[in-house]
């Protein structure tokens, strides 16, 4: 299975840090934030990785290069301007191939076991498998409900989408490359057809979206050792 790390965001809430450094390269205990994903992906046996970028993207390429330092084989999908999640994935499809692939938001910090995620096979007709997490304080209402192994738009108990999922290329069949497109509407449409499965991760996960949460990620990294 191949993986894609989404790294094209501007990181507005983390300015001024991200004025000169792309958010995925912010330091987390001696390793760039995106480097934690690379290490965990390679440890899980996933070494063919696509990274998209836009803001200060050349810094990402210059830092990570071909991925050899992490034991990975990295290819890059450069965007002139950020294309949103679905637009970025659609544009990178030629690099990802025709089989289902894992996608990881570059700005989260987590102990999700990517080897277990890679074992998640999309059943016939399923277009996506989402990993959900308990709602953090900054997102108390969640995103999707989890009912009998399926993700639903509505429900009494909603969980937060972790930004980590497995997708079949067919989910993006109606989108054009190099055009901005959001992932949410695609997922919600597929949910109405019962074509999105999901699971709940209750371990470490945080959205590193502010300077304060960057410091929390550093503390969590120290605890992981």
N, C-alpha and C. Protein backbone atom coordinates (compact mmCIF):
# COMPACT_ATOMS: atom_id res chain seq x y z
N UNK A 1 0.84 -1.19 0.00
CA UNK A 1 0.00 0.00 0.00
C UNK A 1 0.88 1.25 0.00
N UNK A 2 0.50 2.24 -0.81
CA UNK A 2 1.18 3.53 -0.80
C UNK A 2 0.48 4.46 0.19
N UNK A 3 1.19 5.51 0.56
CA UNK A 3 0.61 6.50 1.47
C UNK A 3 0.82 7.89 0.89
N UNK A 4 -0.06 8.79 1.25
CA UNK A 4 0.09 10.20 0.90
C UNK A 4 0.01 11.02 2.17
N UNK A 5 0.96 11.93 2.34
CA UNK A 5 0.92 12.87 3.46
C UNK A 5 0.54 14.24 2.91
N UNK A 6 -0.51 14.81 3.47
CA UNK A 6 -1.00 16.10 3.02
C UNK A 6 -0.20 17.21 3.71
N UNK A 7 0.51 18.00 2.92
CA UNK A 7 1.43 18.99 3.50
C UNK A 7 1.37 20.33 2.78
N UNK A 8 0.21 20.65 2.19
CA UNK A 8 0.12 21.85 1.37
C UNK A 8 -0.45 23.06 2.09
N UNK A 9 -0.89 22.87 3.34
CA UNK A 9 -1.57 23.97 4.03
C UNK A 9 -0.64 25.12 4.41
N UNK A 10 -1.23 26.29 4.57
CA UNK A 10 -0.47 27.50 4.89
C UNK A 10 -0.14 27.60 6.37
N UNK A 11 -0.97 27.05 7.24
CA UNK A 11 -0.72 27.13 8.67
C UNK A 11 -0.91 28.52 9.23
N UNK A 12 -2.01 29.16 8.86
CA UNK A 12 -2.26 30.55 9.26
C UNK A 12 -2.25 30.73 10.79
N UNK A 13 -2.83 29.77 11.52
CA UNK A 13 -2.95 29.93 12.96
C UNK A 13 -1.61 29.78 13.68
N UNK A 14 -0.59 29.35 12.95
CA UNK A 14 0.71 29.16 13.58
C UNK A 14 1.72 30.22 13.15
N UNK A 15 1.21 31.27 12.54
CA UNK A 15 2.10 32.38 12.24
C UNK A 15 2.53 33.03 13.56
N UNK A 16 3.76 33.58 13.67
CA UNK A 16 4.72 33.81 12.60
C UNK A 16 5.63 32.63 12.29
N UNK A 17 5.49 31.50 13.03
CA UNK A 17 6.38 30.36 12.77
C UNK A 17 6.31 29.91 11.32
N UNK A 18 5.09 29.88 10.79
CA UNK A 18 4.92 29.35 9.44
C UNK A 18 5.12 30.41 8.35
N UNK A 19 5.50 31.61 8.73
CA UNK A 19 5.86 32.61 7.72
C UNK A 19 7.16 32.23 7.02
N UNK A 20 8.01 31.51 7.74
CA UNK A 20 9.32 31.17 7.19
C UNK A 20 9.56 29.67 7.12
N UNK A 21 8.71 28.89 7.77
CA UNK A 21 8.86 27.43 7.78
C UNK A 21 7.52 26.79 7.52
N UNK A 22 7.41 25.89 6.55
CA UNK A 22 6.13 25.19 6.35
C UNK A 22 5.79 24.37 7.59
N UNK A 23 4.51 24.33 7.93
CA UNK A 23 4.10 23.67 9.17
C UNK A 23 4.62 22.24 9.30
N UNK A 24 4.65 21.44 8.24
CA UNK A 24 5.14 20.07 8.39
C UNK A 24 6.60 19.97 8.82
N UNK A 25 7.36 21.06 8.67
CA UNK A 25 8.77 21.02 9.04
C UNK A 25 9.03 21.61 10.43
N UNK A 26 8.00 22.05 11.13
CA UNK A 26 8.21 22.57 12.47
C UNK A 26 8.78 21.47 13.37
N UNK A 27 9.72 21.85 14.22
CA UNK A 27 10.47 20.88 15.01
C UNK A 27 9.63 20.30 16.15
N UNK A 28 9.66 18.97 16.25
CA UNK A 28 9.04 18.27 17.37
C UNK A 28 10.11 17.35 17.97
N UNK A 29 10.83 17.88 18.93
CA UNK A 29 11.88 17.14 19.63
C UNK A 29 12.93 16.60 18.65
N UNK A 30 13.46 17.48 17.85
CA UNK A 30 14.56 17.11 16.97
C UNK A 30 14.17 16.47 15.65
N UNK A 31 12.89 16.26 15.45
CA UNK A 31 12.39 15.68 14.20
C UNK A 31 11.27 16.57 13.68
N UNK A 32 11.26 16.87 12.37
CA UNK A 32 10.14 17.66 11.87
C UNK A 32 8.82 16.92 12.06
N UNK A 33 7.76 17.67 12.23
CA UNK A 33 6.45 17.07 12.46
C UNK A 33 6.15 15.98 11.44
N UNK A 34 6.41 16.26 10.17
CA UNK A 34 6.13 15.27 9.12
C UNK A 34 7.05 14.06 9.24
N UNK A 35 8.23 14.26 9.84
CA UNK A 35 9.16 13.15 10.01
C UNK A 35 8.63 12.05 10.91
N UNK A 36 7.80 12.42 11.90
CA UNK A 36 7.18 11.41 12.75
C UNK A 36 6.28 10.49 11.94
N UNK A 37 5.55 11.07 11.00
CA UNK A 37 4.72 10.23 10.12
C UNK A 37 5.60 9.33 9.27
N UNK A 38 6.65 9.89 8.71
CA UNK A 38 7.52 9.09 7.85
C UNK A 38 8.10 7.90 8.61
N UNK A 39 8.56 8.14 9.83
CA UNK A 39 9.15 7.05 10.61
C UNK A 39 8.13 5.97 10.92
N UNK A 40 6.92 6.39 11.27
CA UNK A 40 5.89 5.42 11.64
C UNK A 40 5.37 4.67 10.42
N UNK A 41 5.29 5.35 9.29
CA UNK A 41 4.86 4.68 8.06
C UNK A 41 5.88 3.63 7.64
N UNK A 42 7.15 3.99 7.64
CA UNK A 42 8.19 3.04 7.24
C UNK A 42 8.24 1.86 8.21
N UNK A 43 8.09 2.14 9.51
CA UNK A 43 8.07 1.06 10.50
C UNK A 43 6.90 0.11 10.26
N UNK A 44 5.83 0.63 9.66
CA UNK A 44 4.66 -0.19 9.36
C UNK A 44 4.78 -0.90 8.02
N UNK A 45 5.91 -0.73 7.34
CA UNK A 45 6.12 -1.38 6.05
C UNK A 45 5.60 -0.60 4.87
N UNK A 46 5.26 0.67 5.10
CA UNK A 46 4.76 1.53 4.02
C UNK A 46 5.87 2.52 3.69
N UNK A 47 6.59 2.26 2.61
CA UNK A 47 7.74 3.11 2.31
C UNK A 47 7.61 3.89 1.01
N UNK A 48 6.56 3.67 0.26
CA UNK A 48 6.31 4.45 -0.95
C UNK A 48 5.31 5.54 -0.60
N UNK A 49 5.80 6.77 -0.55
CA UNK A 49 5.03 7.86 0.03
C UNK A 49 5.00 9.06 -0.92
N UNK A 50 3.83 9.61 -1.09
CA UNK A 50 3.63 10.83 -1.89
C UNK A 50 3.35 11.97 -0.93
N UNK A 51 3.99 13.11 -1.15
CA UNK A 51 3.76 14.30 -0.33
C UNK A 51 3.36 15.44 -1.25
N UNK A 52 2.22 16.06 -0.99
CA UNK A 52 1.87 17.26 -1.75
C UNK A 52 2.32 18.49 -0.97
N UNK A 53 2.56 19.55 -1.66
CA UNK A 53 2.98 20.78 -0.99
C UNK A 53 2.62 21.99 -1.84
N UNK A 54 2.55 23.13 -1.17
CA UNK A 54 2.29 24.40 -1.86
C UNK A 54 3.12 25.49 -1.19
N UNK A 55 2.67 25.93 0.00
CA UNK A 55 3.36 27.00 0.71
C UNK A 55 4.76 26.56 1.12
N UNK A 56 5.79 27.28 0.63
CA UNK A 56 7.19 26.99 0.96
C UNK A 56 7.52 25.52 0.69
N UNK A 57 6.91 24.98 -0.35
CA UNK A 57 7.06 23.56 -0.63
C UNK A 57 8.47 23.13 -0.96
N UNK A 58 9.23 24.02 -1.56
CA UNK A 58 10.60 23.63 -1.91
C UNK A 58 11.41 23.31 -0.66
N UNK A 59 11.09 23.96 0.45
CA UNK A 59 11.76 23.63 1.71
C UNK A 59 11.51 22.18 2.11
N UNK A 60 10.29 21.71 1.86
CA UNK A 60 9.96 20.33 2.20
C UNK A 60 10.79 19.38 1.34
N UNK A 61 10.87 19.66 0.05
CA UNK A 61 11.67 18.80 -0.83
C UNK A 61 13.15 18.85 -0.46
N UNK A 62 13.65 20.04 -0.17
CA UNK A 62 15.07 20.19 0.17
C UNK A 62 15.41 19.46 1.46
N UNK A 63 14.47 19.45 2.39
CA UNK A 63 14.71 18.81 3.69
C UNK A 63 14.59 17.29 3.62
N UNK A 64 13.52 16.81 3.01
CA UNK A 64 13.25 15.37 2.98
C UNK A 64 13.89 14.67 1.79
N UNK A 65 14.13 15.40 0.73
CA UNK A 65 14.73 14.88 -0.50
C UNK A 65 13.99 13.62 -0.96
N UNK A 66 14.71 12.55 -1.25
CA UNK A 66 14.03 11.36 -1.78
C UNK A 66 13.53 10.43 -0.69
N UNK A 67 13.71 10.84 0.57
CA UNK A 67 13.21 10.04 1.68
C UNK A 67 14.18 8.99 2.20
N UNK A 68 15.35 8.88 1.58
CA UNK A 68 16.29 7.82 1.96
C UNK A 68 16.69 7.89 3.43
N UNK A 69 16.77 9.10 3.98
CA UNK A 69 17.16 9.24 5.38
C UNK A 69 16.16 8.57 6.31
N UNK A 70 14.94 8.40 5.85
CA UNK A 70 13.90 7.74 6.65
C UNK A 70 13.64 6.31 6.18
N UNK A 71 14.35 5.86 5.17
CA UNK A 71 14.08 4.55 4.61
C UNK A 71 12.88 4.53 3.70
N UNK A 72 12.48 5.71 3.23
CA UNK A 72 11.29 5.84 2.38
C UNK A 72 11.67 6.20 0.95
N UNK A 73 10.71 6.04 0.07
CA UNK A 73 10.83 6.50 -1.31
C UNK A 73 9.74 7.56 -1.51
N UNK A 74 10.16 8.82 -1.53
CA UNK A 74 9.20 9.92 -1.57
C UNK A 74 9.09 10.48 -2.99
N UNK A 75 7.84 10.70 -3.40
CA UNK A 75 7.56 11.46 -4.61
C UNK A 75 6.73 12.68 -4.20
N UNK A 76 6.86 13.75 -4.95
CA UNK A 76 6.20 15.00 -4.58
C UNK A 76 5.16 15.39 -5.62
N UNK A 77 4.06 15.94 -5.10
CA UNK A 77 3.01 16.50 -5.94
C UNK A 77 2.93 17.98 -5.61
N UNK A 78 3.57 18.79 -6.43
CA UNK A 78 3.66 20.23 -6.16
C UNK A 78 2.40 20.94 -6.65
N UNK A 79 1.88 21.83 -5.80
CA UNK A 79 0.70 22.62 -6.13
C UNK A 79 1.07 24.09 -6.13
N UNK A 80 0.66 24.81 -7.15
CA UNK A 80 0.96 26.24 -7.21
C UNK A 80 0.27 26.97 -6.07
N UNK A 81 -0.99 26.64 -5.85
CA UNK A 81 -1.74 27.07 -4.68
C UNK A 81 -2.42 25.83 -4.10
N UNK A 82 -2.63 25.83 -2.80
CA UNK A 82 -3.22 24.66 -2.15
C UNK A 82 -4.59 24.33 -2.76
N UNK A 83 -4.80 23.05 -3.04
CA UNK A 83 -5.99 22.60 -3.77
C UNK A 83 -7.06 21.99 -2.86
N UNK A 84 -6.94 22.17 -1.56
CA UNK A 84 -7.81 21.50 -0.59
C UNK A 84 -7.50 19.99 -0.62
N UNK A 85 -8.12 19.25 0.29
CA UNK A 85 -7.75 17.85 0.46
C UNK A 85 -8.08 17.01 -0.77
N UNK A 86 -9.33 17.05 -1.22
CA UNK A 86 -9.72 16.20 -2.35
C UNK A 86 -9.02 16.63 -3.64
N UNK A 87 -8.84 17.94 -3.82
CA UNK A 87 -8.13 18.41 -5.01
C UNK A 87 -6.69 17.97 -5.01
N UNK A 88 -6.05 18.02 -3.84
CA UNK A 88 -4.67 17.57 -3.74
C UNK A 88 -4.52 16.09 -4.00
N UNK A 89 -5.44 15.30 -3.45
CA UNK A 89 -5.38 13.84 -3.67
C UNK A 89 -5.63 13.52 -5.14
N UNK A 90 -6.64 14.15 -5.73
CA UNK A 90 -6.95 13.89 -7.14
C UNK A 90 -5.76 14.20 -8.02
N UNK A 91 -5.09 15.31 -7.77
CA UNK A 91 -3.94 15.70 -8.57
C UNK A 91 -2.80 14.71 -8.43
N UNK A 92 -2.70 14.07 -7.26
CA UNK A 92 -1.61 13.12 -7.01
C UNK A 92 -1.94 11.69 -7.43
N UNK A 93 -3.14 11.43 -7.92
CA UNK A 93 -3.54 10.06 -8.25
C UNK A 93 -2.57 9.35 -9.21
N UNK A 94 -1.99 10.03 -10.21
CA UNK A 94 -1.05 9.31 -11.08
C UNK A 94 0.15 8.73 -10.32
N UNK A 95 0.49 9.34 -9.18
CA UNK A 95 1.60 8.83 -8.37
C UNK A 95 1.14 7.74 -7.41
N UNK A 96 -0.15 7.72 -7.09
CA UNK A 96 -0.67 6.80 -6.09
C UNK A 96 -1.11 5.47 -6.67
N UNK A 97 -1.43 5.44 -7.95
CA UNK A 97 -1.79 4.18 -8.57
C UNK A 97 -3.27 3.88 -8.49
N UNK A 98 -3.63 2.63 -8.79
CA UNK A 98 -5.02 2.23 -8.92
C UNK A 98 -5.56 1.47 -7.71
N UNK A 99 -4.71 1.18 -6.75
CA UNK A 99 -5.14 0.44 -5.56
C UNK A 99 -5.48 1.43 -4.44
N UNK A 100 -6.24 1.00 -3.44
CA UNK A 100 -6.51 1.87 -2.29
C UNK A 100 -5.21 2.32 -1.63
N UNK A 101 -5.23 3.51 -1.07
CA UNK A 101 -4.03 4.10 -0.48
C UNK A 101 -4.39 4.78 0.83
N UNK A 102 -3.38 4.94 1.68
CA UNK A 102 -3.54 5.58 2.97
C UNK A 102 -3.22 7.06 2.85
N UNK A 103 -4.02 7.91 3.47
CA UNK A 103 -3.77 9.35 3.48
C UNK A 103 -3.67 9.83 4.92
N UNK A 104 -2.66 10.65 5.19
CA UNK A 104 -2.41 11.15 6.53
C UNK A 104 -2.27 12.67 6.48
N UNK A 105 -3.04 13.37 7.29
CA UNK A 105 -2.85 14.82 7.42
C UNK A 105 -1.47 15.10 8.01
N UNK A 106 -0.73 15.99 7.37
CA UNK A 106 0.61 16.27 7.84
C UNK A 106 0.68 17.03 9.14
N UNK A 107 -0.44 17.61 9.58
CA UNK A 107 -0.41 18.45 10.77
C UNK A 107 -1.10 17.81 11.98
N UNK A 108 -1.06 16.48 12.05
CA UNK A 108 -1.53 15.80 13.27
C UNK A 108 -0.35 15.04 13.88
N UNK A 109 -0.47 14.79 15.17
CA UNK A 109 0.54 13.98 15.87
C UNK A 109 -0.21 12.86 16.55
N UNK A 110 0.21 11.61 16.31
CA UNK A 110 -0.59 10.47 16.74
C UNK A 110 0.24 9.23 16.90
N UNK A 111 -0.29 8.28 17.68
CA UNK A 111 0.34 6.97 17.79
C UNK A 111 -0.48 5.91 17.05
N UNK A 112 -1.35 6.34 16.16
CA UNK A 112 -2.13 5.39 15.36
C UNK A 112 -1.19 4.41 14.68
N UNK A 113 -1.51 3.13 14.77
CA UNK A 113 -0.67 2.07 14.20
C UNK A 113 -0.96 1.96 12.70
N UNK A 114 -0.05 2.49 11.91
CA UNK A 114 -0.27 2.48 10.46
C UNK A 114 -0.22 1.06 9.89
N UNK A 115 0.46 0.14 10.58
CA UNK A 115 0.48 -1.23 10.08
C UNK A 115 -0.91 -1.85 10.18
N UNK A 116 -1.65 -1.51 11.25
CA UNK A 116 -3.02 -1.99 11.36
C UNK A 116 -3.92 -1.30 10.35
N UNK A 117 -3.68 -0.01 10.12
CA UNK A 117 -4.46 0.71 9.12
C UNK A 117 -4.27 0.10 7.74
N UNK A 118 -3.02 -0.28 7.44
CA UNK A 118 -2.73 -0.85 6.13
C UNK A 118 -3.40 -2.20 5.93
N UNK A 119 -3.70 -2.88 7.03
CA UNK A 119 -4.38 -4.18 6.94
C UNK A 119 -5.87 -4.02 6.67
N UNK A 120 -6.36 -2.79 6.84
CA UNK A 120 -7.79 -2.53 6.63
C UNK A 120 -8.11 -2.62 5.14
N UNK A 121 -8.76 -3.68 4.77
CA UNK A 121 -9.12 -3.87 3.37
C UNK A 121 -10.50 -3.26 3.12
N UNK A 122 -10.61 -2.52 2.03
CA UNK A 122 -11.91 -1.95 1.68
C UNK A 122 -12.77 -3.06 1.07
N UNK A 123 -13.87 -3.35 1.73
CA UNK A 123 -14.78 -4.36 1.20
C UNK A 123 -15.35 -3.91 -0.13
N UNK A 124 -15.90 -4.83 -0.86
CA UNK A 124 -16.47 -4.52 -2.16
C UNK A 124 -17.48 -3.38 -2.02
N UNK A 125 -17.32 -2.37 -2.84
CA UNK A 125 -18.24 -1.24 -2.84
C UNK A 125 -17.88 -0.14 -1.87
N UNK A 126 -16.95 -0.40 -0.95
CA UNK A 126 -16.55 0.63 0.01
C UNK A 126 -15.50 1.54 -0.64
N UNK A 127 -15.74 2.84 -0.52
CA UNK A 127 -14.84 3.81 -1.16
C UNK A 127 -13.85 4.44 -0.19
N UNK A 128 -14.13 4.35 1.12
CA UNK A 128 -13.23 4.97 2.09
C UNK A 128 -13.39 4.31 3.45
N UNK A 129 -12.29 4.28 4.20
CA UNK A 129 -12.32 3.88 5.60
C UNK A 129 -11.69 5.00 6.41
N UNK A 130 -12.43 5.55 7.35
CA UNK A 130 -11.97 6.68 8.13
C UNK A 130 -11.61 6.24 9.54
N UNK A 131 -10.53 6.81 10.07
CA UNK A 131 -10.19 6.61 11.47
C UNK A 131 -10.71 7.82 12.24
N UNK A 132 -11.60 7.56 13.17
CA UNK A 132 -12.20 8.60 14.00
C UNK A 132 -11.55 8.60 15.38
N UNK A 133 -11.64 9.74 16.06
CA UNK A 133 -11.07 9.87 17.40
C UNK A 133 -12.08 10.58 18.30
N UNK A 134 -11.96 10.42 19.63
CA UNK A 134 -12.82 11.19 20.54
C UNK A 134 -12.63 12.68 20.30
N UNK A 135 -13.67 13.44 20.53
CA UNK A 135 -13.64 14.87 20.20
C UNK A 135 -12.70 15.64 21.12
N UNK A 136 -11.76 16.39 20.55
CA UNK A 136 -10.88 17.23 21.37
C UNK A 136 -11.63 18.49 21.82
N UNK A 137 -11.08 19.22 22.78
CA UNK A 137 -11.78 20.41 23.30
C UNK A 137 -12.12 21.44 22.23
N UNK A 138 -11.24 21.58 21.23
CA UNK A 138 -11.48 22.61 20.21
C UNK A 138 -12.47 22.16 19.14
N UNK A 139 -12.94 20.92 19.22
CA UNK A 139 -13.89 20.41 18.22
C UNK A 139 -14.90 19.51 18.92
N UNK A 140 -15.68 20.07 19.83
CA UNK A 140 -16.50 19.24 20.72
C UNK A 140 -17.66 18.52 20.05
N UNK A 141 -18.10 18.98 18.90
CA UNK A 141 -19.29 18.40 18.27
C UNK A 141 -18.98 17.29 17.27
N UNK A 142 -17.69 17.09 16.98
CA UNK A 142 -17.31 15.99 16.11
C UNK A 142 -17.68 16.20 14.66
N UNK A 143 -17.47 15.15 13.87
CA UNK A 143 -17.72 15.21 12.42
C UNK A 143 -18.70 14.15 11.95
N UNK A 144 -18.46 12.90 12.36
CA UNK A 144 -19.24 11.79 11.84
C UNK A 144 -19.62 10.82 12.95
N UNK A 145 -20.76 10.20 12.78
CA UNK A 145 -21.18 9.13 13.69
C UNK A 145 -20.61 7.80 13.21
N UNK A 146 -20.51 6.87 14.15
CA UNK A 146 -20.02 5.52 13.84
C UNK A 146 -21.09 4.53 14.25
N UNK A 147 -21.68 3.87 13.25
CA UNK A 147 -22.79 2.96 13.49
C UNK A 147 -22.52 1.65 12.75
N UNK A 148 -22.35 0.57 13.51
CA UNK A 148 -22.13 -0.75 12.92
C UNK A 148 -20.99 -0.75 11.90
N UNK A 149 -19.91 -0.07 12.27
CA UNK A 149 -18.74 -0.08 11.41
C UNK A 149 -18.79 0.86 10.23
N UNK A 150 -19.85 1.64 10.11
CA UNK A 150 -19.99 2.58 9.02
C UNK A 150 -20.00 4.02 9.56
N UNK A 151 -19.43 4.93 8.78
CA UNK A 151 -19.47 6.35 9.11
C UNK A 151 -20.75 6.95 8.57
N UNK A 152 -21.38 7.79 9.37
CA UNK A 152 -22.61 8.46 8.96
C UNK A 152 -22.51 9.95 9.26
N UNK A 153 -23.18 10.75 8.43
CA UNK A 153 -23.14 12.20 8.62
C UNK A 153 -23.85 12.63 9.89
N UNK A 154 -24.90 11.90 10.25
CA UNK A 154 -25.71 12.28 11.41
C UNK A 154 -25.77 11.13 12.41
N UNK A 155 -25.93 11.51 13.67
CA UNK A 155 -26.07 10.52 14.72
C UNK A 155 -25.98 11.19 16.07
N UNK A 156 -26.45 10.49 17.11
CA UNK A 156 -26.45 11.07 18.45
C UNK A 156 -25.03 11.33 18.93
N UNK A 157 -24.11 10.41 18.65
CA UNK A 157 -22.73 10.54 19.09
C UNK A 157 -21.83 10.69 17.86
N UNK A 158 -21.25 11.87 17.71
CA UNK A 158 -20.32 12.08 16.60
C UNK A 158 -18.90 12.10 17.13
N UNK A 159 -18.00 11.62 16.31
CA UNK A 159 -16.59 11.64 16.62
C UNK A 159 -15.85 12.54 15.61
N UNK A 160 -14.62 12.86 15.94
CA UNK A 160 -13.81 13.72 15.07
C UNK A 160 -13.03 12.87 14.07
N UNK A 161 -13.05 13.30 12.83
CA UNK A 161 -12.24 12.63 11.81
C UNK A 161 -10.77 12.97 12.06
N UNK A 162 -9.96 11.95 12.16
CA UNK A 162 -8.55 12.13 12.53
C UNK A 162 -7.70 12.74 11.42
N UNK A 163 -8.23 12.78 10.20
CA UNK A 163 -7.40 13.19 9.07
C UNK A 163 -6.61 12.03 8.50
N UNK A 164 -6.92 10.82 8.96
CA UNK A 164 -6.24 9.61 8.48
C UNK A 164 -7.29 8.65 7.95
N UNK A 165 -7.11 8.22 6.72
CA UNK A 165 -8.09 7.33 6.11
C UNK A 165 -7.49 6.56 4.96
N UNK A 166 -8.22 5.57 4.52
CA UNK A 166 -7.85 4.79 3.33
C UNK A 166 -8.92 5.06 2.28
N UNK A 167 -8.47 5.34 1.07
CA UNK A 167 -9.38 5.73 0.00
C UNK A 167 -9.18 4.89 -1.25
N UNK A 168 -10.26 4.59 -1.90
CA UNK A 168 -10.21 3.98 -3.22
C UNK A 168 -10.16 5.10 -4.25
N UNK A 169 -9.33 4.97 -5.27
CA UNK A 169 -9.26 6.04 -6.27
C UNK A 169 -10.61 6.40 -6.88
N UNK A 170 -11.54 5.45 -6.91
CA UNK A 170 -12.85 5.72 -7.50
C UNK A 170 -13.61 6.82 -6.76
N UNK A 171 -13.26 7.07 -5.48
CA UNK A 171 -13.92 8.13 -4.74
C UNK A 171 -13.73 9.48 -5.43
N UNK A 172 -12.64 9.62 -6.16
CA UNK A 172 -12.28 10.90 -6.77
C UNK A 172 -12.52 10.93 -8.28
N UNK A 173 -13.28 9.94 -8.77
CA UNK A 173 -13.43 9.76 -10.22
C UNK A 173 -14.05 10.95 -10.92
N UNK A 174 -14.90 11.70 -10.24
CA UNK A 174 -15.61 12.81 -10.88
C UNK A 174 -14.89 14.15 -10.72
N UNK A 175 -13.71 14.14 -10.12
CA UNK A 175 -12.96 15.38 -9.91
C UNK A 175 -11.86 15.53 -10.95
N UNK A 176 -11.50 16.77 -11.22
CA UNK A 176 -10.44 17.07 -12.18
C UNK A 176 -9.17 17.43 -11.43
N UNK A 177 -8.04 17.02 -11.97
CA UNK A 177 -6.75 17.36 -11.38
C UNK A 177 -6.52 18.86 -11.44
N UNK A 178 -5.74 19.34 -10.47
CA UNK A 178 -5.33 20.75 -10.42
C UNK A 178 -6.50 21.72 -10.21
N UNK A 179 -7.58 21.21 -9.62
CA UNK A 179 -8.72 22.04 -9.30
C UNK A 179 -9.03 21.90 -7.81
N UNK A 180 -9.27 22.99 -7.10
CA UNK A 180 -9.58 22.88 -5.67
C UNK A 180 -10.85 22.08 -5.44
N UNK A 181 -10.82 21.21 -4.43
CA UNK A 181 -12.01 20.43 -4.08
C UNK A 181 -11.88 19.94 -2.64
N UNK A 182 -12.97 20.03 -1.90
CA UNK A 182 -12.98 19.59 -0.50
C UNK A 182 -13.34 18.11 -0.41
N UNK A 183 -12.82 17.47 0.63
CA UNK A 183 -13.08 16.05 0.82
C UNK A 183 -14.45 15.80 1.45
N UNK A 184 -14.89 16.67 2.34
CA UNK A 184 -16.12 16.45 3.08
C UNK A 184 -17.32 16.11 2.22
N UNK A 185 -17.61 16.91 1.17
CA UNK A 185 -18.78 16.59 0.35
C UNK A 185 -18.69 15.22 -0.32
N UNK A 186 -17.51 14.81 -0.74
CA UNK A 186 -17.34 13.48 -1.35
C UNK A 186 -17.68 12.39 -0.33
N UNK A 187 -17.15 12.55 0.89
CA UNK A 187 -17.40 11.54 1.90
C UNK A 187 -18.87 11.47 2.28
N UNK A 188 -19.49 12.64 2.44
CA UNK A 188 -20.90 12.64 2.85
C UNK A 188 -21.80 12.01 1.78
N UNK A 189 -21.48 12.26 0.53
CA UNK A 189 -22.25 11.64 -0.55
C UNK A 189 -22.07 10.12 -0.52
N UNK A 190 -20.83 9.66 -0.33
CA UNK A 190 -20.57 8.22 -0.25
C UNK A 190 -21.24 7.61 0.98
N UNK A 191 -21.34 8.38 2.07
CA UNK A 191 -22.00 7.88 3.27
C UNK A 191 -23.48 7.63 3.05
N UNK A 192 -24.11 8.47 2.23
CA UNK A 192 -25.53 8.27 1.96
C UNK A 192 -25.77 6.95 1.24
N UNK A 193 -24.72 6.44 0.59
CA UNK A 193 -24.81 5.17 -0.12
C UNK A 193 -24.26 4.01 0.71
N UNK A 194 -23.87 4.29 1.96
CA UNK A 194 -23.32 3.26 2.83
C UNK A 194 -21.96 2.77 2.39
N UNK A 195 -21.17 3.65 1.77
CA UNK A 195 -19.90 3.21 1.18
C UNK A 195 -18.67 3.74 1.91
N UNK A 196 -18.86 4.15 3.17
CA UNK A 196 -17.73 4.62 3.98
C UNK A 196 -17.73 3.85 5.30
N UNK A 197 -16.69 3.07 5.54
CA UNK A 197 -16.53 2.38 6.81
C UNK A 197 -15.68 3.24 7.74
N UNK A 198 -15.61 2.87 9.01
CA UNK A 198 -14.85 3.67 9.97
C UNK A 198 -14.51 2.84 11.19
N UNK A 199 -13.50 3.32 11.92
CA UNK A 199 -13.13 2.71 13.19
C UNK A 199 -12.72 3.84 14.13
N UNK A 200 -12.69 3.54 15.44
CA UNK A 200 -12.41 4.54 16.45
C UNK A 200 -11.05 4.28 17.10
N UNK A 201 -10.19 5.30 17.10
CA UNK A 201 -8.90 5.23 17.77
C UNK A 201 -8.99 6.04 19.05
N UNK A 202 -8.66 5.42 20.18
CA UNK A 202 -8.79 6.10 21.47
C UNK A 202 -7.44 6.44 22.09
N UNK A 203 -6.35 6.25 21.35
CA UNK A 203 -5.03 6.56 21.86
C UNK A 203 -4.63 8.00 21.58
N UNK A 204 -3.34 8.22 21.45
CA UNK A 204 -2.80 9.56 21.24
C UNK A 204 -3.17 10.11 19.87
N UNK A 205 -3.73 11.29 19.87
CA UNK A 205 -4.01 12.01 18.62
C UNK A 205 -4.19 13.48 18.96
N UNK A 206 -3.57 14.34 18.20
CA UNK A 206 -3.82 15.77 18.36
C UNK A 206 -3.62 16.49 17.04
N UNK A 207 -4.45 17.49 16.85
CA UNK A 207 -4.36 18.38 15.70
C UNK A 207 -3.37 19.48 16.09
N UNK A 208 -2.22 19.50 15.42
CA UNK A 208 -1.19 20.49 15.75
C UNK A 208 -1.48 21.76 14.96
N UNK A 209 -2.53 22.46 15.38
CA UNK A 209 -2.99 23.61 14.62
C UNK A 209 -2.66 24.95 15.23
N UNK A 210 -2.09 24.96 16.42
CA UNK A 210 -1.73 26.21 17.08
C UNK A 210 -0.36 26.04 17.73
N UNK A 211 0.23 27.17 18.10
CA UNK A 211 1.52 27.12 18.77
C UNK A 211 1.41 26.35 20.09
N UNK A 212 0.30 26.53 20.78
CA UNK A 212 0.10 25.82 22.05
C UNK A 212 0.04 24.31 21.84
N UNK A 213 -0.64 23.87 20.80
CA UNK A 213 -0.74 22.43 20.56
C UNK A 213 0.57 21.88 19.99
N UNK A 214 1.37 22.71 19.36
CA UNK A 214 2.71 22.28 18.95
C UNK A 214 3.53 21.93 20.19
N UNK A 215 3.41 22.73 21.23
CA UNK A 215 4.14 22.44 22.47
C UNK A 215 3.60 21.16 23.10
N UNK A 216 2.30 20.93 23.03
CA UNK A 216 1.73 19.68 23.55
C UNK A 216 2.26 18.48 22.76
N UNK A 217 2.42 18.64 21.45
CA UNK A 217 2.97 17.56 20.63
C UNK A 217 4.41 17.26 21.05
N UNK A 218 5.15 18.29 21.37
CA UNK A 218 6.53 18.08 21.82
C UNK A 218 6.56 17.31 23.14
N UNK A 219 5.65 17.65 24.03
CA UNK A 219 5.58 16.93 25.29
C UNK A 219 5.18 15.47 25.07
N UNK A 220 4.24 15.24 24.15
CA UNK A 220 3.80 13.89 23.85
C UNK A 220 4.94 13.08 23.21
N UNK A 221 5.72 13.74 22.36
CA UNK A 221 6.85 13.05 21.72
C UNK A 221 7.88 12.62 22.75
N UNK A 222 8.12 13.46 23.72
CA UNK A 222 9.06 13.11 24.79
C UNK A 222 8.55 11.91 25.58
N UNK A 223 7.25 11.86 25.80
CA UNK A 223 6.66 10.74 26.54
C UNK A 223 6.75 9.44 25.74
N UNK A 224 6.65 9.56 24.40
CA UNK A 224 6.76 8.36 23.57
C UNK A 224 8.17 7.80 23.58
N UNK A 225 9.16 8.70 23.75
CA UNK A 225 10.55 8.27 23.80
C UNK A 225 11.14 8.05 22.42
